[in-house]
Amino acid sequence: MKVKTIAFLLAGLVLYAGLTSITLMFYKDDPDQMNWQDREAFNTKYIYKLDLTKAISRNQVIDYLGGPDITEAKKHQQQVYQVLYYRTHRTKTDGITTKDECTAILFKNQQLIAIGETAVAQFNQLD
């Protein structure tokens, strides 16, 4: 009787672990459904994992993070630059998202080229 009970318990644990693993592997977080604290943490975690040595498109970032809180674009020497701002920290509880509450992600012709203060500096240096 004890062996049968232990076998059922182990089978249940294995099933639970398997289903949990599958869910975590294939479930995509939806930033639009998160509260603001979770969304800020989600944005921060994703943004600082971005690798500037890899080809990452603007669409990949938007697909994962959702639409940016603020965006700006410029054309410079036939190149299109776009900076997306995602809120990663709150400075005032006024309900308004400002650039100082965001982390910038800069794209040149739809490809990631800079993150954070470097992105802002590069974007501001353009004519």
N, C-alpha and C. Protein backbone atom coordinates (compact mmCIF):
# COMPACT_ATOMS: atom_id res chain seq x y z
N MET A 1 0.82 -1.20 0.00
CA MET A 1 0.00 0.00 0.00
C MET A 1 0.87 1.26 0.00
N LYS A 2 1.94 1.26 0.79
CA LYS A 2 2.83 2.42 0.85
C LYS A 2 3.52 2.64 -0.49
N VAL A 3 3.91 1.58 -1.16
CA VAL A 3 4.59 1.69 -2.44
C VAL A 3 3.66 2.32 -3.47
N LYS A 4 2.41 1.91 -3.47
CA LYS A 4 1.43 2.44 -4.40
C LYS A 4 1.20 3.94 -4.15
N THR A 5 1.11 4.33 -2.89
CA THR A 5 0.92 5.73 -2.52
C THR A 5 2.12 6.57 -2.95
N ILE A 6 3.30 6.07 -2.71
CA ILE A 6 4.52 6.79 -3.08
C ILE A 6 4.61 6.90 -4.60
N ALA A 7 4.24 5.85 -5.32
CA ALA A 7 4.26 5.87 -6.78
C ALA A 7 3.30 6.93 -7.31
N PHE A 8 2.10 7.02 -6.75
CA PHE A 8 1.13 8.04 -7.18
C PHE A 8 1.65 9.44 -6.85
N LEU A 9 2.26 9.60 -5.71
CA LEU A 9 2.81 10.89 -5.30
C LEU A 9 3.92 11.31 -6.26
N LEU A 10 4.83 10.40 -6.57
CA LEU A 10 5.92 10.71 -7.49
C LEU A 10 5.39 11.01 -8.89
N ALA A 11 4.41 10.24 -9.35
CA ALA A 11 3.82 10.49 -10.66
C ALA A 11 3.16 11.87 -10.70
N GLY A 12 2.50 12.25 -9.63
CA GLY A 12 1.88 13.57 -9.56
C GLY A 12 2.92 14.68 -9.58
N LEU A 13 4.01 14.49 -8.86
CA LEU A 13 5.08 15.50 -8.84
C LEU A 13 5.74 15.63 -10.21
N VAL A 14 5.97 14.51 -10.86
CA VAL A 14 6.57 14.54 -12.20
C VAL A 14 5.63 15.24 -13.17
N LEU A 15 4.36 14.92 -13.12
CA LEU A 15 3.37 15.56 -13.99
C LEU A 15 3.31 17.06 -13.72
N TYR A 16 3.28 17.45 -12.47
CA TYR A 16 3.24 18.86 -12.09
C TYR A 16 4.49 19.59 -12.61
N ALA A 17 5.67 19.00 -12.39
CA ALA A 17 6.92 19.62 -12.84
C ALA A 17 6.94 19.73 -14.36
N GLY A 18 6.46 18.71 -15.04
CA GLY A 18 6.43 18.74 -16.50
C GLY A 18 5.51 19.81 -17.04
N LEU A 19 4.31 19.90 -16.51
CA LEU A 19 3.36 20.91 -16.96
C LEU A 19 3.84 22.32 -16.65
N THR A 20 4.44 22.48 -15.49
CA THR A 20 4.98 23.78 -15.11
C THR A 20 6.10 24.19 -16.06
N SER A 21 6.99 23.26 -16.37
CA SER A 21 8.10 23.55 -17.29
C SER A 21 7.58 23.92 -18.67
N ILE A 22 6.63 23.19 -19.17
CA ILE A 22 6.07 23.47 -20.49
C ILE A 22 5.42 24.85 -20.50
N THR A 23 4.69 25.17 -19.47
CA THR A 23 4.03 26.47 -19.39
C THR A 23 5.07 27.60 -19.39
N LEU A 24 6.11 27.46 -18.59
CA LEU A 24 7.12 28.50 -18.51
C LEU A 24 7.91 28.65 -19.80
N MET A 25 8.10 27.55 -20.51
CA MET A 25 8.86 27.60 -21.76
C MET A 25 8.07 28.25 -22.89
N PHE A 26 6.77 28.02 -22.95
CA PHE A 26 5.99 28.47 -24.09
C PHE A 26 5.03 29.62 -23.81
N TYR A 27 4.84 29.99 -22.56
CA TYR A 27 3.94 31.09 -22.22
C TYR A 27 4.67 32.41 -22.39
N LYS A 28 4.14 33.30 -23.22
CA LYS A 28 4.73 34.60 -23.43
C LYS A 28 4.06 35.60 -22.51
N ASP A 29 4.87 36.32 -21.74
CA ASP A 29 4.31 37.37 -20.88
C ASP A 29 3.66 38.44 -21.74
N ASP A 30 2.57 39.00 -21.27
CA ASP A 30 1.87 40.05 -21.97
C ASP A 30 2.02 41.35 -21.18
N PRO A 31 2.93 42.23 -21.60
CA PRO A 31 3.16 43.47 -20.85
C PRO A 31 1.90 44.32 -20.67
N ASP A 32 0.98 44.25 -21.62
CA ASP A 32 -0.24 45.05 -21.53
C ASP A 32 -1.14 44.62 -20.37
N GLN A 33 -0.98 43.39 -19.91
CA GLN A 33 -1.81 42.87 -18.82
C GLN A 33 -1.14 43.01 -17.45
N MET A 34 0.07 43.56 -17.40
CA MET A 34 0.81 43.66 -16.14
C MET A 34 0.47 44.96 -15.41
N ASN A 35 0.61 44.94 -14.09
CA ASN A 35 0.50 46.20 -13.36
C ASN A 35 1.80 46.98 -13.59
N TRP A 36 1.83 48.23 -13.24
CA TRP A 36 2.96 49.08 -13.60
C TRP A 36 4.27 48.63 -12.97
N GLN A 37 4.24 48.09 -11.76
CA GLN A 37 5.49 47.64 -11.12
C GLN A 37 6.07 46.44 -11.86
N ASP A 38 5.21 45.49 -12.21
CA ASP A 38 5.67 44.30 -12.94
C ASP A 38 6.16 44.68 -14.33
N ARG A 39 5.47 45.61 -14.96
CA ARG A 39 5.88 46.01 -16.32
C ARG A 39 7.24 46.70 -16.29
N GLU A 40 7.48 47.54 -15.31
CA GLU A 40 8.79 48.19 -15.20
C GLU A 40 9.89 47.16 -15.01
N ALA A 41 9.67 46.21 -14.13
CA ALA A 41 10.66 45.15 -13.90
C ALA A 41 10.86 44.31 -15.16
N PHE A 42 9.78 43.98 -15.84
CA PHE A 42 9.83 43.21 -17.08
C PHE A 42 10.64 43.96 -18.14
N ASN A 43 10.35 45.25 -18.31
CA ASN A 43 11.07 46.07 -19.28
C ASN A 43 12.56 46.12 -18.96
N THR A 44 12.87 46.39 -17.70
CA THR A 44 14.27 46.49 -17.28
C THR A 44 15.02 45.20 -17.55
N LYS A 45 14.43 44.10 -17.15
CA LYS A 45 15.08 42.80 -17.33
C LYS A 45 15.35 42.52 -18.80
N TYR A 46 14.37 42.76 -19.65
CA TYR A 46 14.54 42.49 -21.08
C TYR A 46 15.56 43.44 -21.71
N ILE A 47 15.42 44.73 -21.43
CA ILE A 47 16.29 45.72 -22.08
C ILE A 47 17.75 45.47 -21.76
N TYR A 48 18.06 45.18 -20.50
CA TYR A 48 19.46 45.01 -20.15
C TYR A 48 20.02 43.63 -20.51
N LYS A 49 19.17 42.76 -21.06
CA LYS A 49 19.65 41.50 -21.64
C LYS A 49 19.94 41.64 -23.13
N LEU A 50 19.52 42.75 -23.73
CA LEU A 50 19.77 42.94 -25.16
C LEU A 50 21.27 42.98 -25.43
N ASP A 51 21.66 42.32 -26.50
CA ASP A 51 23.07 42.20 -26.86
C ASP A 51 23.32 43.03 -28.12
N LEU A 52 24.09 44.09 -27.97
CA LEU A 52 24.35 44.99 -29.10
C LEU A 52 25.17 44.33 -30.19
N THR A 53 25.81 43.20 -29.91
CA THR A 53 26.61 42.52 -30.93
C THR A 53 25.74 41.64 -31.83
N LYS A 54 24.49 41.45 -31.46
CA LYS A 54 23.58 40.63 -32.26
C LYS A 54 22.62 41.53 -33.03
N ALA A 55 22.17 41.04 -34.17
CA ALA A 55 21.20 41.78 -34.98
C ALA A 55 19.82 41.66 -34.36
N ILE A 56 19.37 42.74 -33.75
CA ILE A 56 18.05 42.77 -33.12
C ILE A 56 17.25 43.89 -33.78
N SER A 57 16.09 43.54 -34.29
CA SER A 57 15.28 44.52 -35.00
C SER A 57 14.32 45.24 -34.05
N ARG A 58 13.86 46.38 -34.52
CA ARG A 58 12.88 47.16 -33.77
C ARG A 58 11.61 46.33 -33.57
N ASN A 59 11.21 45.60 -34.60
CA ASN A 59 10.00 44.79 -34.50
C ASN A 59 10.13 43.69 -33.45
N GLN A 60 11.31 43.10 -33.31
CA GLN A 60 11.51 42.08 -32.28
C GLN A 60 11.29 42.67 -30.89
N VAL A 61 11.82 43.85 -30.66
CA VAL A 61 11.68 44.51 -29.36
C VAL A 61 10.22 44.84 -29.10
N ILE A 62 9.55 45.41 -30.09
CA ILE A 62 8.14 45.78 -29.91
C ILE A 62 7.28 44.54 -29.73
N ASP A 63 7.58 43.48 -30.45
CA ASP A 63 6.82 42.23 -30.28
C ASP A 63 6.93 41.71 -28.86
N TYR A 64 8.08 41.89 -28.25
CA TYR A 64 8.29 41.36 -26.89
C TYR A 64 7.79 42.31 -25.82
N LEU A 65 8.12 43.60 -25.95
CA LEU A 65 7.79 44.57 -24.90
C LEU A 65 6.46 45.29 -25.13
N GLY A 66 5.93 45.20 -26.31
CA GLY A 66 4.74 45.98 -26.62
C GLY A 66 5.17 47.36 -27.10
N GLY A 67 4.20 48.21 -27.32
CA GLY A 67 4.50 49.56 -27.80
C GLY A 67 5.27 50.37 -26.76
N PRO A 68 6.14 51.25 -27.23
CA PRO A 68 6.92 52.09 -26.30
C PRO A 68 6.05 53.14 -25.63
N ASP A 69 6.54 53.64 -24.50
CA ASP A 69 5.83 54.72 -23.80
C ASP A 69 6.01 56.04 -24.53
N ILE A 70 7.20 56.25 -25.10
CA ILE A 70 7.53 57.47 -25.84
C ILE A 70 8.40 57.04 -27.02
N THR A 71 8.26 57.71 -28.13
CA THR A 71 9.13 57.42 -29.27
C THR A 71 9.45 58.71 -30.03
N GLU A 72 10.63 58.75 -30.62
CA GLU A 72 11.06 59.87 -31.45
C GLU A 72 11.82 59.30 -32.64
N ALA A 73 11.82 60.02 -33.74
CA ALA A 73 12.54 59.56 -34.93
C ALA A 73 13.13 60.76 -35.67
N LYS A 74 14.24 60.49 -36.38
CA LYS A 74 14.90 61.49 -37.21
C LYS A 74 15.49 60.80 -38.42
N LYS A 75 15.65 61.58 -39.47
CA LYS A 75 16.37 61.09 -40.64
C LYS A 75 17.66 61.89 -40.71
N HIS A 76 18.78 61.18 -40.82
CA HIS A 76 20.09 61.82 -40.85
C HIS A 76 20.93 61.10 -41.90
N GLN A 77 21.39 61.86 -42.91
CA GLN A 77 22.22 61.31 -43.99
C GLN A 77 21.61 60.04 -44.59
N GLN A 78 20.36 60.13 -44.96
CA GLN A 78 19.62 59.04 -45.58
C GLN A 78 19.42 57.82 -44.68
N GLN A 79 19.68 57.95 -43.39
CA GLN A 79 19.48 56.87 -42.42
C GLN A 79 18.34 57.28 -41.49
N VAL A 80 17.50 56.33 -41.13
CA VAL A 80 16.39 56.61 -40.22
C VAL A 80 16.77 56.12 -38.83
N TYR A 81 16.69 57.04 -37.86
CA TYR A 81 17.00 56.74 -36.47
C TYR A 81 15.70 56.84 -35.67
N GLN A 82 15.47 55.88 -34.83
CA GLN A 82 14.28 55.91 -33.98
C GLN A 82 14.70 55.50 -32.57
N VAL A 83 14.27 56.29 -31.61
CA VAL A 83 14.54 55.95 -30.21
C VAL A 83 13.20 55.62 -29.55
N LEU A 84 13.17 54.45 -28.92
CA LEU A 84 11.99 54.01 -28.19
C LEU A 84 12.30 54.14 -26.70
N TYR A 85 11.37 54.69 -25.96
CA TYR A 85 11.53 54.84 -24.51
C TYR A 85 10.53 53.91 -23.81
N TYR A 86 11.06 53.04 -22.98
CA TYR A 86 10.21 52.16 -22.16
C TYR A 86 10.43 52.50 -20.69
N ARG A 87 9.34 52.66 -19.98
CA ARG A 87 9.46 53.01 -18.55
C ARG A 87 10.05 51.84 -17.78
N THR A 88 11.10 52.17 -17.02
CA THR A 88 11.78 51.16 -16.21
C THR A 88 11.86 51.56 -14.74
N HIS A 89 11.48 52.78 -14.42
CA HIS A 89 11.48 53.23 -13.02
C HIS A 89 10.58 54.46 -12.90
N ARG A 90 9.97 54.60 -11.77
CA ARG A 90 9.05 55.71 -11.54
C ARG A 90 9.74 56.74 -10.66
N THR A 91 9.61 58.02 -11.04
CA THR A 91 10.17 59.08 -10.21
C THR A 91 9.07 59.87 -9.50
N LYS A 92 7.91 60.00 -10.16
CA LYS A 92 6.77 60.71 -9.57
C LYS A 92 5.52 59.85 -9.74
N THR A 93 4.66 59.90 -8.77
CA THR A 93 3.41 59.14 -8.86
C THR A 93 2.30 60.03 -9.39
N ASP A 94 2.59 60.68 -10.52
CA ASP A 94 1.61 61.60 -11.09
C ASP A 94 0.81 60.99 -12.24
N GLY A 95 1.11 59.75 -12.60
CA GLY A 95 0.38 59.09 -13.67
C GLY A 95 0.87 59.45 -15.07
N ILE A 96 1.92 60.25 -15.16
CA ILE A 96 2.47 60.65 -16.44
C ILE A 96 3.85 60.05 -16.59
N THR A 97 4.09 59.38 -17.71
CA THR A 97 5.40 58.80 -17.98
C THR A 97 6.26 59.82 -18.71
N THR A 98 7.43 60.09 -18.17
CA THR A 98 8.36 61.04 -18.77
C THR A 98 9.65 60.31 -19.15
N LYS A 99 10.47 60.94 -19.98
CA LYS A 99 11.70 60.32 -20.45
C LYS A 99 12.64 59.94 -19.31
N ASP A 100 12.64 60.74 -18.25
CA ASP A 100 13.55 60.43 -17.14
C ASP A 100 13.12 59.19 -16.36
N GLU A 101 11.95 58.66 -16.64
CA GLU A 101 11.48 57.42 -16.02
C GLU A 101 11.67 56.22 -16.94
N CYS A 102 12.29 56.46 -18.08
CA CYS A 102 12.40 55.43 -19.11
C CYS A 102 13.86 55.10 -19.43
N THR A 103 14.03 53.97 -20.08
CA THR A 103 15.31 53.60 -20.67
C THR A 103 15.13 53.65 -22.17
N ALA A 104 16.08 54.31 -22.84
CA ALA A 104 16.01 54.51 -24.29
C ALA A 104 16.66 53.34 -25.02
N ILE A 105 16.09 53.02 -26.17
CA ILE A 105 16.64 52.00 -27.06
C ILE A 105 16.69 52.63 -28.45
N LEU A 106 17.89 52.74 -29.02
CA LEU A 106 18.07 53.43 -30.31
C LEU A 106 18.25 52.43 -31.44
N PHE A 107 17.53 52.70 -32.55
CA PHE A 107 17.60 51.87 -33.74
C PHE A 107 18.03 52.73 -34.92
N LYS A 108 18.87 52.16 -35.75
CA LYS A 108 19.26 52.80 -37.02
C LYS A 108 18.77 51.88 -38.12
N ASN A 109 17.89 52.39 -38.96
CA ASN A 109 17.29 51.58 -40.03
C ASN A 109 16.72 50.27 -39.48
N GLN A 110 15.99 50.38 -38.38
CA GLN A 110 15.27 49.24 -37.77
C GLN A 110 16.17 48.27 -37.00
N GLN A 111 17.47 48.56 -36.85
CA GLN A 111 18.39 47.66 -36.15
C GLN A 111 18.92 48.33 -34.89
N LEU A 112 18.95 47.57 -33.80
CA LEU A 112 19.41 48.08 -32.51
C LEU A 112 20.87 48.52 -32.58
N ILE A 113 21.15 49.74 -32.08
CA ILE A 113 22.53 50.22 -32.06
C ILE A 113 22.98 50.74 -30.69
N ALA A 114 22.04 51.09 -29.81
CA ALA A 114 22.45 51.63 -28.50
C ALA A 114 21.30 51.52 -27.49
N ILE A 115 21.70 51.50 -26.22
CA ILE A 115 20.74 51.38 -25.11
C ILE A 115 21.10 52.40 -24.03
N GLY A 116 20.09 52.94 -23.37
CA GLY A 116 20.29 53.79 -22.20
C GLY A 116 20.77 55.19 -22.55
N GLU A 117 21.62 55.73 -21.71
CA GLU A 117 22.12 57.10 -21.90
C GLU A 117 22.91 57.23 -23.20
N THR A 118 23.60 56.17 -23.59
CA THR A 118 24.34 56.18 -24.85
C THR A 118 23.37 56.38 -26.01
N ALA A 119 22.24 55.73 -25.96
CA ALA A 119 21.22 55.87 -27.01
C ALA A 119 20.73 57.31 -27.09
N VAL A 120 20.45 57.90 -25.95
CA VAL A 120 19.96 59.29 -25.92
C VAL A 120 21.03 60.23 -26.46
N ALA A 121 22.28 60.05 -26.03
CA ALA A 121 23.37 60.92 -26.49
C ALA A 121 23.57 60.81 -27.99
N GLN A 122 23.58 59.59 -28.52
CA GLN A 122 23.75 59.40 -29.96
C GLN A 122 22.60 60.03 -30.75
N PHE A 123 21.39 59.84 -30.26
CA PHE A 123 20.22 60.40 -30.95
C PHE A 123 20.25 61.92 -30.93
N ASN A 124 20.63 62.51 -29.81
CA ASN A 124 20.67 63.97 -29.69
C ASN A 124 21.79 64.61 -30.51
N GLN A 125 22.83 63.85 -30.85
CA GLN A 125 23.94 64.37 -31.64
C GLN A 125 23.61 64.46 -33.14
N LEU A 126 22.54 63.82 -33.54
CA LEU A 126 22.17 63.85 -34.96
C LEU A 126 21.66 65.23 -35.34
N ASP A 127 21.93 65.65 -36.55
CA ASP A 127 21.48 66.97 -37.03
C ASP A 127 19.98 67.02 -37.14
